[in-house]
């Protein structure tokens, strides 16, 4: 498995997004009963570091689609479609041996 390190952040539409997998993010997300969130105005993606590597990767894909929807699609993609796309893309990435998370390596 190739792990793509997302801890340094990503760019979406030329905007720098911070990827936050801190203890603070964990507590914020647990309070909201969420695995991840994308703060579109502050370009911040929060992921719960206590999740499994697969869940973190799937949630990251979902939040990236949220950012792409905001930047390129003027928020016109319904959340249900984003859910479906994120499950599908995550499955393809996992089958290719690619996983997103903290740190690089196999």
N, C-alpha and C. Protein backbone atom coordinates (compact mmCIF):
# COMPACT_ATOMS: atom_id res chain seq x y z
N UNK A 1 0.86 -1.18 0.00
CA UNK A 1 0.00 0.00 0.00
C UNK A 1 0.90 1.24 0.00
N UNK A 2 0.60 2.16 -0.87
CA UNK A 2 1.30 3.44 -0.91
C UNK A 2 0.50 4.43 -0.09
N UNK A 3 1.13 5.00 0.91
CA UNK A 3 0.45 6.00 1.74
C UNK A 3 0.91 7.38 1.26
N UNK A 4 -0.05 8.19 0.83
CA UNK A 4 0.23 9.55 0.40
C UNK A 4 0.09 10.46 1.61
N UNK A 5 1.18 11.14 1.94
CA UNK A 5 1.20 12.02 3.11
C UNK A 5 0.42 13.30 2.81
N UNK A 6 -0.66 13.50 3.54
CA UNK A 6 -1.48 14.70 3.36
C UNK A 6 -1.30 15.68 4.51
N UNK A 7 -0.40 15.36 5.43
CA UNK A 7 -0.26 16.18 6.63
C UNK A 7 0.26 17.59 6.34
N UNK A 8 0.89 17.78 5.19
CA UNK A 8 1.40 19.11 4.85
C UNK A 8 0.36 19.94 4.09
N UNK A 9 -0.81 19.35 3.84
CA UNK A 9 -1.88 20.06 3.18
C UNK A 9 -1.95 19.75 1.69
N UNK A 10 -2.93 20.34 1.04
CA UNK A 10 -3.16 20.14 -0.39
C UNK A 10 -3.58 21.46 -1.01
N UNK A 11 -3.61 21.50 -2.33
CA UNK A 11 -4.14 22.65 -3.07
C UNK A 11 -5.40 22.21 -3.80
N UNK A 12 -6.41 23.05 -3.74
CA UNK A 12 -7.64 22.84 -4.51
C UNK A 12 -7.94 24.16 -5.19
N UNK A 13 -7.93 24.16 -6.51
CA UNK A 13 -8.21 25.37 -7.26
C UNK A 13 -7.24 26.50 -6.97
N UNK A 14 -6.00 26.15 -6.67
CA UNK A 14 -4.99 27.15 -6.36
C UNK A 14 -5.02 27.63 -4.92
N UNK A 15 -5.94 27.12 -4.13
CA UNK A 15 -6.04 27.49 -2.72
C UNK A 15 -5.35 26.44 -1.86
N UNK A 16 -4.57 26.89 -0.89
CA UNK A 16 -3.90 25.98 0.04
C UNK A 16 -4.88 25.57 1.14
N UNK A 17 -5.08 24.27 1.28
CA UNK A 17 -5.92 23.73 2.34
C UNK A 17 -5.02 23.05 3.38
N UNK A 18 -5.21 23.40 4.63
CA UNK A 18 -4.53 22.75 5.73
C UNK A 18 -5.29 21.46 6.03
N UNK A 19 -4.56 20.38 6.29
CA UNK A 19 -5.18 19.13 6.71
C UNK A 19 -4.84 18.94 8.19
N UNK A 20 -5.84 19.04 9.02
CA UNK A 20 -5.66 19.00 10.48
C UNK A 20 -6.08 17.64 11.02
N UNK A 21 -5.10 16.91 11.55
CA UNK A 21 -5.37 15.61 12.18
C UNK A 21 -4.86 15.65 13.62
N UNK A 22 -5.09 16.76 14.28
CA UNK A 22 -4.61 16.97 15.64
C UNK A 22 -5.59 16.43 16.67
N UNK A 23 -5.17 16.43 17.93
CA UNK A 23 -6.07 16.06 19.02
C UNK A 23 -7.24 17.04 19.12
N UNK A 24 -6.95 18.31 18.83
CA UNK A 24 -8.02 19.32 18.85
C UNK A 24 -9.07 18.99 17.79
N UNK A 25 -8.63 18.60 16.59
CA UNK A 25 -9.56 18.21 15.54
C UNK A 25 -10.39 17.00 15.99
N UNK A 26 -9.72 16.04 16.63
CA UNK A 26 -10.42 14.85 17.15
C UNK A 26 -11.56 15.26 18.08
N UNK A 27 -11.28 16.16 19.03
CA UNK A 27 -12.31 16.58 20.00
C UNK A 27 -13.43 17.36 19.33
N UNK A 28 -13.09 18.23 18.37
CA UNK A 28 -14.12 18.98 17.64
C UNK A 28 -15.03 18.04 16.87
N UNK A 29 -14.42 17.09 16.18
CA UNK A 29 -15.20 16.17 15.35
C UNK A 29 -16.06 15.23 16.20
N UNK A 30 -15.52 14.75 17.31
CA UNK A 30 -16.29 13.86 18.20
C UNK A 30 -17.48 14.60 18.79
N UNK A 31 -17.30 15.89 19.11
CA UNK A 31 -18.40 16.68 19.65
C UNK A 31 -19.53 16.79 18.63
N UNK A 32 -19.17 16.82 17.35
CA UNK A 32 -20.16 16.91 16.27
C UNK A 32 -20.55 15.53 15.73
N UNK A 33 -19.99 14.47 16.33
CA UNK A 33 -20.21 13.09 15.88
C UNK A 33 -19.91 12.97 14.38
N UNK A 34 -18.71 13.43 14.01
CA UNK A 34 -18.30 13.47 12.62
C UNK A 34 -16.93 12.84 12.47
N UNK A 35 -16.62 12.32 11.28
CA UNK A 35 -15.30 11.78 10.99
C UNK A 35 -14.39 12.81 10.35
N UNK A 36 -15.00 13.83 9.75
CA UNK A 36 -14.23 14.87 9.08
C UNK A 36 -15.11 16.06 8.74
N UNK A 37 -14.45 17.18 8.48
CA UNK A 37 -15.15 18.39 8.08
C UNK A 37 -14.25 19.19 7.15
N UNK A 38 -14.87 19.94 6.26
CA UNK A 38 -14.14 20.84 5.38
C UNK A 38 -14.66 22.25 5.64
N UNK A 39 -13.79 23.08 6.20
CA UNK A 39 -14.11 24.49 6.42
C UNK A 39 -13.70 25.22 5.15
N UNK A 40 -14.68 25.48 4.30
CA UNK A 40 -14.41 26.02 2.97
C UNK A 40 -13.89 27.45 3.00
N UNK A 41 -14.30 28.23 3.98
CA UNK A 41 -13.89 29.63 4.04
C UNK A 41 -12.48 29.79 4.59
N UNK A 42 -12.08 28.89 5.46
CA UNK A 42 -10.73 28.96 6.04
C UNK A 42 -9.78 27.94 5.42
N UNK A 43 -10.21 27.25 4.39
CA UNK A 43 -9.43 26.24 3.69
C UNK A 43 -8.77 25.27 4.67
N UNK A 44 -9.60 24.60 5.45
CA UNK A 44 -9.12 23.66 6.48
C UNK A 44 -9.94 22.37 6.40
N UNK A 45 -9.25 21.25 6.26
CA UNK A 45 -9.88 19.94 6.29
C UNK A 45 -9.48 19.28 7.60
N UNK A 46 -10.45 18.92 8.41
CA UNK A 46 -10.20 18.24 9.69
C UNK A 46 -10.55 16.77 9.53
N UNK A 47 -9.65 15.91 10.01
CA UNK A 47 -9.87 14.47 9.99
C UNK A 47 -9.60 13.93 11.37
N UNK A 48 -10.41 12.99 11.81
CA UNK A 48 -10.23 12.41 13.13
C UNK A 48 -9.07 11.41 13.09
N UNK A 49 -7.97 11.70 13.79
CA UNK A 49 -6.81 10.82 13.75
C UNK A 49 -7.03 9.48 14.44
N UNK A 50 -8.11 9.35 15.22
CA UNK A 50 -8.39 8.10 15.92
C UNK A 50 -9.10 7.07 15.05
N UNK A 51 -9.45 7.44 13.83
CA UNK A 51 -10.09 6.49 12.91
C UNK A 51 -9.05 5.56 12.30
N UNK A 52 -9.53 4.49 11.69
CA UNK A 52 -8.65 3.56 11.00
C UNK A 52 -8.03 4.26 9.78
N UNK A 53 -6.90 3.78 9.30
CA UNK A 53 -6.31 4.38 8.09
C UNK A 53 -7.29 4.39 6.91
N UNK A 54 -8.08 3.34 6.74
CA UNK A 54 -9.06 3.31 5.66
C UNK A 54 -10.12 4.39 5.83
N UNK A 55 -10.62 4.57 7.05
CA UNK A 55 -11.64 5.59 7.31
C UNK A 55 -11.08 6.99 7.10
N UNK A 56 -9.85 7.22 7.54
CA UNK A 56 -9.21 8.52 7.33
C UNK A 56 -9.10 8.81 5.84
N UNK A 57 -8.64 7.82 5.07
CA UNK A 57 -8.48 7.98 3.63
C UNK A 57 -9.82 8.25 2.96
N UNK A 58 -10.85 7.50 3.31
CA UNK A 58 -12.17 7.68 2.72
C UNK A 58 -12.73 9.06 3.08
N UNK A 59 -12.55 9.46 4.32
CA UNK A 59 -13.06 10.76 4.76
C UNK A 59 -12.32 11.89 4.05
N UNK A 60 -11.01 11.72 3.87
CA UNK A 60 -10.22 12.72 3.15
C UNK A 60 -10.76 12.88 1.72
N UNK A 61 -11.01 11.79 1.04
CA UNK A 61 -11.55 11.85 -0.33
C UNK A 61 -12.88 12.62 -0.33
N UNK A 62 -13.73 12.32 0.65
CA UNK A 62 -15.02 13.01 0.76
C UNK A 62 -14.82 14.52 0.93
N UNK A 63 -13.93 14.91 1.84
CA UNK A 63 -13.73 16.34 2.12
C UNK A 63 -13.08 17.05 0.94
N UNK A 64 -12.24 16.36 0.19
CA UNK A 64 -11.66 16.96 -1.02
C UNK A 64 -12.75 17.21 -2.05
N UNK A 65 -13.67 16.27 -2.19
CA UNK A 65 -14.79 16.48 -3.12
C UNK A 65 -15.63 17.68 -2.66
N UNK A 66 -15.81 17.84 -1.37
CA UNK A 66 -16.52 19.02 -0.84
C UNK A 66 -15.80 20.30 -1.29
N UNK A 67 -14.47 20.32 -1.17
CA UNK A 67 -13.70 21.50 -1.57
C UNK A 67 -13.79 21.74 -3.08
N UNK A 68 -13.68 20.68 -3.86
CA UNK A 68 -13.80 20.79 -5.32
C UNK A 68 -15.19 21.31 -5.70
N UNK A 69 -16.21 20.81 -5.04
CA UNK A 69 -17.58 21.27 -5.28
C UNK A 69 -17.70 22.77 -5.02
N UNK A 70 -17.08 23.23 -3.96
CA UNK A 70 -17.14 24.66 -3.59
C UNK A 70 -16.38 25.51 -4.61
N UNK A 71 -15.15 25.09 -4.93
CA UNK A 71 -14.28 25.90 -5.79
C UNK A 71 -14.74 25.87 -7.25
N UNK A 72 -15.08 24.68 -7.76
CA UNK A 72 -15.34 24.54 -9.18
C UNK A 72 -16.82 24.44 -9.56
N UNK A 73 -17.66 24.02 -8.65
CA UNK A 73 -19.05 23.73 -9.00
C UNK A 73 -20.07 24.63 -8.31
N UNK A 74 -19.58 25.66 -7.61
CA UNK A 74 -20.47 26.61 -6.93
C UNK A 74 -21.46 25.89 -6.01
N UNK A 75 -20.98 24.83 -5.33
CA UNK A 75 -21.78 24.04 -4.39
C UNK A 75 -23.05 23.45 -5.01
N UNK A 76 -22.99 23.09 -6.27
CA UNK A 76 -24.18 22.56 -6.94
C UNK A 76 -24.33 21.05 -6.83
N UNK A 77 -23.28 20.36 -6.37
CA UNK A 77 -23.39 18.90 -6.21
C UNK A 77 -24.03 18.63 -4.85
N UNK A 78 -25.11 17.88 -4.85
CA UNK A 78 -25.82 17.56 -3.61
C UNK A 78 -24.95 16.66 -2.73
N UNK A 79 -25.14 16.78 -1.43
CA UNK A 79 -24.32 16.02 -0.48
C UNK A 79 -24.45 14.52 -0.68
N UNK A 80 -25.61 14.03 -1.02
CA UNK A 80 -25.79 12.60 -1.28
C UNK A 80 -24.90 12.14 -2.43
N UNK A 81 -24.78 12.96 -3.47
CA UNK A 81 -23.91 12.63 -4.61
C UNK A 81 -22.44 12.66 -4.19
N UNK A 82 -22.08 13.60 -3.32
CA UNK A 82 -20.71 13.66 -2.82
C UNK A 82 -20.40 12.39 -2.03
N UNK A 83 -21.36 11.93 -1.23
CA UNK A 83 -21.19 10.67 -0.49
C UNK A 83 -20.92 9.51 -1.46
N UNK A 84 -21.73 9.43 -2.49
CA UNK A 84 -21.59 8.34 -3.46
C UNK A 84 -20.25 8.42 -4.19
N UNK A 85 -19.89 9.61 -4.62
CA UNK A 85 -18.61 9.78 -5.31
C UNK A 85 -17.43 9.43 -4.41
N UNK A 86 -17.51 9.84 -3.15
CA UNK A 86 -16.38 9.58 -2.25
C UNK A 86 -16.21 8.10 -1.97
N UNK A 87 -17.30 7.36 -1.81
CA UNK A 87 -17.18 5.91 -1.62
C UNK A 87 -16.60 5.26 -2.88
N UNK A 88 -17.07 5.68 -4.03
CA UNK A 88 -16.57 5.11 -5.28
C UNK A 88 -15.10 5.41 -5.52
N UNK A 89 -14.71 6.67 -5.35
CA UNK A 89 -13.31 7.03 -5.56
C UNK A 89 -12.39 6.39 -4.52
N UNK A 90 -12.85 6.31 -3.29
CA UNK A 90 -12.04 5.65 -2.26
C UNK A 90 -11.82 4.19 -2.62
N UNK A 91 -12.84 3.52 -3.08
CA UNK A 91 -12.72 2.11 -3.46
C UNK A 91 -11.71 1.95 -4.59
N UNK A 92 -11.76 2.82 -5.59
CA UNK A 92 -10.81 2.76 -6.70
C UNK A 92 -9.39 2.99 -6.19
N UNK A 93 -9.20 3.99 -5.33
CA UNK A 93 -7.86 4.30 -4.80
C UNK A 93 -7.32 3.12 -3.98
N UNK A 94 -8.15 2.54 -3.13
CA UNK A 94 -7.72 1.40 -2.33
C UNK A 94 -7.34 0.22 -3.22
N UNK A 95 -8.12 -0.03 -4.27
CA UNK A 95 -7.81 -1.13 -5.19
C UNK A 95 -6.51 -0.89 -5.94
N UNK A 96 -6.16 0.38 -6.14
CA UNK A 96 -4.89 0.73 -6.77
C UNK A 96 -3.73 0.70 -5.79
N UNK A 97 -4.05 0.51 -4.52
CA UNK A 97 -3.01 0.46 -3.49
C UNK A 97 -2.61 1.83 -2.98
N UNK A 98 -3.50 2.79 -3.09
CA UNK A 98 -3.21 4.15 -2.65
C UNK A 98 -4.10 4.50 -1.47
N UNK A 99 -3.47 5.02 -0.41
CA UNK A 99 -4.21 5.43 0.77
C UNK A 99 -3.68 6.78 1.21
N UNK A 100 -4.58 7.66 1.64
CA UNK A 100 -4.21 8.98 2.10
C UNK A 100 -4.13 8.97 3.63
N UNK A 101 -3.13 9.62 4.17
CA UNK A 101 -3.00 9.66 5.63
C UNK A 101 -1.80 10.47 6.07
N UNK A 102 -1.44 10.26 7.30
CA UNK A 102 -0.31 10.96 7.92
C UNK A 102 0.95 10.13 7.71
N UNK A 103 1.96 10.73 7.12
CA UNK A 103 3.22 10.03 6.91
C UNK A 103 3.24 9.27 5.60
N UNK A 104 4.43 9.02 5.10
CA UNK A 104 4.60 8.32 3.83
C UNK A 104 5.01 6.89 4.06
N UNK A 105 4.95 6.09 3.02
CA UNK A 105 5.48 4.74 3.11
C UNK A 105 4.50 3.67 2.71
N UNK A 106 4.95 2.47 2.89
CA UNK A 106 4.15 1.30 2.52
C UNK A 106 3.46 0.77 3.75
